[in-house]
């Protein structure tokens, strides 16, 4: 999965914090929080580390946090360890 990084002009505020939690040699969880001009975006990329792994993206409603996908992703990780999963939204 290619990453597109937009760098804001110096007049705008931008902060990013990433936490990497290796599970084993091939599985990981990466949590990232981006704050820009008062807007906050949380996203989690988890599963297989390979950039060539199929990536499933989970999108939830605005008022729900991304933990709603925990049972589904847990099951899919067990059945498809070659996949990785991306979800975003509130997580606190």
N, C-alpha and C. Protein backbone atom coordinates (compact mmCIF):
# COMPACT_ATOMS: atom_id res chain seq x y z
N UNK A 1 0.85 -1.17 0.00
CA UNK A 1 0.00 0.00 0.00
C UNK A 1 0.90 1.23 0.00
N UNK A 2 0.72 2.08 -0.97
CA UNK A 2 1.52 3.29 -1.07
C UNK A 2 0.97 4.34 -0.12
N UNK A 3 1.87 5.06 0.51
CA UNK A 3 1.46 6.11 1.44
C UNK A 3 1.57 7.46 0.75
N UNK A 4 0.54 8.27 0.89
CA UNK A 4 0.57 9.63 0.38
C UNK A 4 0.66 10.54 1.59
N UNK A 5 1.69 11.36 1.62
CA UNK A 5 1.89 12.25 2.75
C UNK A 5 1.78 13.68 2.26
N UNK A 6 0.83 14.41 2.79
CA UNK A 6 0.68 15.83 2.46
C UNK A 6 1.32 16.65 3.56
N UNK A 7 2.21 17.51 3.20
CA UNK A 7 2.86 18.36 4.18
C UNK A 7 2.17 19.72 4.18
N UNK A 8 1.58 20.12 5.31
CA UNK A 8 0.84 21.37 5.36
C UNK A 8 1.78 22.57 5.29
N UNK A 9 1.27 23.71 4.86
CA UNK A 9 2.08 24.92 4.88
C UNK A 9 2.50 25.26 6.30
N UNK A 10 3.62 25.95 6.48
CA UNK A 10 4.11 26.27 7.83
C UNK A 10 3.12 27.01 8.71
N UNK A 11 2.15 27.71 8.12
CA UNK A 11 1.19 28.48 8.92
C UNK A 11 0.14 27.60 9.59
N UNK A 12 0.04 26.34 9.20
CA UNK A 12 -0.96 25.45 9.77
C UNK A 12 -0.33 24.52 10.79
N UNK A 13 -1.10 24.13 11.79
CA UNK A 13 -0.59 23.21 12.81
C UNK A 13 -0.75 21.78 12.32
N UNK A 14 0.25 20.95 12.61
CA UNK A 14 0.21 19.55 12.22
C UNK A 14 1.03 18.76 13.23
N UNK A 15 0.42 17.71 13.79
CA UNK A 15 1.13 16.83 14.72
C UNK A 15 0.76 15.40 14.38
N UNK A 16 1.75 14.50 14.51
CA UNK A 16 1.50 13.09 14.24
C UNK A 16 2.22 12.26 15.30
N UNK A 17 1.52 11.25 15.82
CA UNK A 17 2.09 10.34 16.81
C UNK A 17 1.78 8.93 16.37
N UNK A 18 2.81 8.08 16.27
CA UNK A 18 2.63 6.70 15.84
C UNK A 18 3.19 5.75 16.89
N UNK A 19 2.44 4.70 17.19
CA UNK A 19 2.87 3.65 18.11
C UNK A 19 2.88 2.33 17.35
N UNK A 20 4.00 1.62 17.43
CA UNK A 20 4.17 0.35 16.72
C UNK A 20 4.22 -0.78 17.74
N UNK A 21 3.32 -1.78 17.59
CA UNK A 21 3.26 -2.90 18.53
C UNK A 21 3.44 -4.21 17.77
N UNK A 22 4.68 -4.71 17.66
CA UNK A 22 4.89 -5.99 16.98
C UNK A 22 4.22 -7.13 17.74
N UNK A 23 3.55 -8.01 17.01
CA UNK A 23 2.93 -9.18 17.60
C UNK A 23 3.88 -10.37 17.48
N UNK A 24 4.45 -10.52 16.30
CA UNK A 24 5.50 -11.51 16.05
C UNK A 24 6.27 -11.06 14.81
N UNK A 25 7.00 -11.95 14.15
CA UNK A 25 7.84 -11.55 13.01
C UNK A 25 7.04 -11.07 11.80
N UNK A 26 5.80 -11.50 11.66
CA UNK A 26 5.03 -11.11 10.47
C UNK A 26 3.79 -10.28 10.77
N UNK A 27 3.36 -10.23 12.03
CA UNK A 27 2.15 -9.48 12.37
C UNK A 27 2.49 -8.28 13.24
N UNK A 28 1.77 -7.20 13.03
CA UNK A 28 2.02 -5.99 13.81
C UNK A 28 0.74 -5.17 13.93
N UNK A 29 0.76 -4.19 14.83
CA UNK A 29 -0.30 -3.20 14.94
C UNK A 29 0.37 -1.83 14.99
N UNK A 30 -0.07 -0.93 14.14
CA UNK A 30 0.46 0.43 14.11
C UNK A 30 -0.71 1.38 14.35
N UNK A 31 -0.65 2.13 15.45
CA UNK A 31 -1.66 3.14 15.78
C UNK A 31 -1.09 4.52 15.48
N UNK A 32 -1.84 5.33 14.77
CA UNK A 32 -1.39 6.68 14.43
C UNK A 32 -2.50 7.67 14.74
N UNK A 33 -2.11 8.80 15.32
CA UNK A 33 -3.02 9.91 15.56
C UNK A 33 -2.45 11.13 14.85
N UNK A 34 -3.28 11.76 14.05
CA UNK A 34 -2.87 12.97 13.34
C UNK A 34 -3.79 14.10 13.78
N UNK A 35 -3.19 15.22 14.18
CA UNK A 35 -3.95 16.42 14.55
C UNK A 35 -3.54 17.54 13.60
N UNK A 36 -4.53 18.17 12.99
CA UNK A 36 -4.25 19.22 12.02
C UNK A 36 -5.36 20.26 12.09
N UNK A 37 -5.01 21.47 12.45
CA UNK A 37 -5.97 22.58 12.56
C UNK A 37 -7.21 22.21 13.37
N UNK A 38 -7.02 21.54 14.48
CA UNK A 38 -8.11 21.20 15.38
C UNK A 38 -8.84 19.91 15.05
N UNK A 39 -8.59 19.34 13.89
CA UNK A 39 -9.20 18.05 13.53
C UNK A 39 -8.26 16.92 13.94
N UNK A 40 -8.82 15.83 14.46
CA UNK A 40 -8.01 14.70 14.90
C UNK A 40 -8.48 13.44 14.18
N UNK A 41 -7.53 12.70 13.63
CA UNK A 41 -7.82 11.45 12.95
C UNK A 41 -6.98 10.35 13.58
N UNK A 42 -7.63 9.28 14.00
CA UNK A 42 -6.94 8.10 14.53
C UNK A 42 -7.09 7.00 13.49
N UNK A 43 -6.00 6.28 13.23
CA UNK A 43 -6.15 5.10 12.40
C UNK A 43 -5.24 3.99 12.87
N UNK A 44 -5.62 2.78 12.56
CA UNK A 44 -4.87 1.59 12.97
C UNK A 44 -4.68 0.70 11.75
N UNK A 45 -3.42 0.34 11.51
CA UNK A 45 -3.07 -0.62 10.47
C UNK A 45 -2.54 -1.84 11.20
N UNK A 46 -3.13 -3.00 10.94
CA UNK A 46 -2.72 -4.20 11.66
C UNK A 46 -2.76 -5.41 10.76
N UNK A 47 -2.04 -6.44 11.17
CA UNK A 47 -1.99 -7.68 10.41
C UNK A 47 -0.63 -7.89 9.79
N UNK A 48 -0.60 -8.44 8.60
CA UNK A 48 0.64 -8.81 7.93
C UNK A 48 1.46 -7.57 7.57
N UNK A 49 2.76 -7.63 7.76
CA UNK A 49 3.66 -6.50 7.49
C UNK A 49 3.94 -6.27 6.01
N UNK A 50 3.75 -7.26 5.20
CA UNK A 50 4.13 -7.17 3.79
C UNK A 50 3.31 -6.12 3.05
N UNK A 51 4.00 -5.25 2.29
CA UNK A 51 3.31 -4.23 1.51
C UNK A 51 2.47 -4.84 0.39
N UNK A 52 2.76 -6.09 0.03
CA UNK A 52 1.99 -6.75 -1.02
C UNK A 52 0.76 -7.49 -0.48
N UNK A 53 0.56 -7.47 0.83
CA UNK A 53 -0.60 -8.13 1.44
C UNK A 53 -1.89 -7.42 1.05
N UNK A 54 -2.95 -8.18 0.78
CA UNK A 54 -4.25 -7.54 0.55
C UNK A 54 -4.65 -6.74 1.79
N UNK A 55 -5.19 -5.54 1.59
CA UNK A 55 -5.57 -4.68 2.71
C UNK A 55 -7.07 -4.43 2.68
N UNK A 56 -7.74 -4.77 3.77
CA UNK A 56 -9.17 -4.48 3.92
C UNK A 56 -9.32 -3.20 4.73
N UNK A 57 -10.19 -2.32 4.29
CA UNK A 57 -10.42 -1.05 4.97
C UNK A 57 -11.81 -1.11 5.61
N UNK A 58 -11.86 -0.81 6.91
CA UNK A 58 -13.12 -0.82 7.66
C UNK A 58 -13.52 0.61 7.96
N UNK A 59 -14.75 0.95 7.58
CA UNK A 59 -15.26 2.30 7.78
C UNK A 59 -16.52 2.21 8.65
N UNK A 60 -16.54 3.02 9.70
CA UNK A 60 -17.70 3.01 10.58
C UNK A 60 -18.36 4.38 10.60
N UNK A 61 -19.53 4.45 11.20
CA UNK A 61 -20.25 5.71 11.32
C UNK A 61 -19.46 6.70 12.17
N UNK A 62 -19.75 7.96 11.99
CA UNK A 62 -19.04 9.02 12.70
C UNK A 62 -19.14 8.87 14.21
N UNK A 63 -20.29 8.50 14.73
CA UNK A 63 -20.49 8.45 16.18
C UNK A 63 -20.01 7.15 16.83
N UNK A 64 -19.47 6.24 16.05
CA UNK A 64 -18.95 4.98 16.59
C UNK A 64 -17.43 5.00 16.57
N UNK A 65 -16.82 4.32 17.54
CA UNK A 65 -15.36 4.24 17.50
C UNK A 65 -14.93 3.00 16.73
N UNK A 66 -13.65 2.93 16.40
CA UNK A 66 -13.22 1.82 15.54
C UNK A 66 -13.11 0.49 16.27
N UNK A 67 -13.35 0.48 17.57
CA UNK A 67 -13.35 -0.80 18.30
C UNK A 67 -14.54 -1.68 17.92
N UNK A 68 -15.53 -1.10 17.25
CA UNK A 68 -16.67 -1.90 16.81
C UNK A 68 -16.23 -3.04 15.90
N UNK A 69 -15.08 -2.88 15.24
CA UNK A 69 -14.58 -3.89 14.31
C UNK A 69 -13.73 -4.97 14.98
N UNK A 70 -13.45 -4.85 16.27
CA UNK A 70 -12.58 -5.83 16.96
C UNK A 70 -12.96 -7.29 16.72
N UNK A 71 -14.23 -7.70 16.94
CA UNK A 71 -14.57 -9.11 16.75
C UNK A 71 -14.38 -9.59 15.30
N UNK A 72 -14.71 -8.73 14.35
CA UNK A 72 -14.58 -9.09 12.94
C UNK A 72 -13.11 -9.24 12.56
N UNK A 73 -12.29 -8.27 12.96
CA UNK A 73 -10.87 -8.32 12.62
C UNK A 73 -10.18 -9.49 13.32
N UNK A 74 -10.55 -9.77 14.55
CA UNK A 74 -9.98 -10.92 15.26
C UNK A 74 -10.23 -12.21 14.47
N UNK A 75 -11.44 -12.39 14.04
CA UNK A 75 -11.80 -13.58 13.27
C UNK A 75 -11.06 -13.63 11.93
N UNK A 76 -11.01 -12.51 11.24
CA UNK A 76 -10.32 -12.48 9.95
C UNK A 76 -8.82 -12.70 10.08
N UNK A 77 -8.22 -12.18 11.15
CA UNK A 77 -6.78 -12.41 11.39
C UNK A 77 -6.50 -13.90 11.55
N UNK A 78 -7.38 -14.60 12.24
CA UNK A 78 -7.19 -16.05 12.45
C UNK A 78 -7.35 -16.81 11.14
N UNK A 79 -8.32 -16.42 10.32
CA UNK A 79 -8.60 -17.13 9.08
C UNK A 79 -7.70 -16.70 7.92
N UNK A 80 -7.19 -15.47 7.97
CA UNK A 80 -6.39 -14.93 6.86
C UNK A 80 -5.17 -14.16 7.40
N UNK A 81 -4.17 -14.86 7.93
CA UNK A 81 -3.01 -14.18 8.49
C UNK A 81 -2.19 -13.44 7.43
N UNK A 82 -2.47 -13.68 6.16
CA UNK A 82 -1.74 -12.99 5.09
C UNK A 82 -2.31 -11.61 4.79
N UNK A 83 -3.44 -11.25 5.37
CA UNK A 83 -4.09 -9.97 5.13
C UNK A 83 -3.65 -8.93 6.14
N UNK A 84 -3.91 -7.66 5.81
CA UNK A 84 -3.78 -6.59 6.80
C UNK A 84 -5.04 -5.75 6.76
N UNK A 85 -5.26 -4.99 7.83
CA UNK A 85 -6.54 -4.31 8.05
C UNK A 85 -6.29 -2.85 8.45
N UNK A 86 -7.06 -1.97 7.85
CA UNK A 86 -6.97 -0.55 8.16
C UNK A 86 -8.34 -0.08 8.63
N UNK A 87 -8.34 0.60 9.78
CA UNK A 87 -9.58 1.20 10.28
C UNK A 87 -9.26 2.55 10.86
N UNK A 88 -10.22 3.45 10.83
CA UNK A 88 -9.97 4.78 11.33
C UNK A 88 -11.21 5.33 12.03
N UNK A 89 -11.00 6.38 12.78
CA UNK A 89 -12.08 7.03 13.51
C UNK A 89 -11.67 7.25 14.96
N UNK A 90 -12.64 7.48 15.80
CA UNK A 90 -12.37 7.67 17.22
C UNK A 90 -12.00 6.32 17.86
N UNK A 91 -11.06 6.35 18.77
CA UNK A 91 -10.71 5.11 19.47
C UNK A 91 -10.60 5.30 20.97
N UNK A 92 -10.88 6.46 21.48
CA UNK A 92 -10.80 6.70 22.94
C UNK A 92 -12.14 6.51 23.59
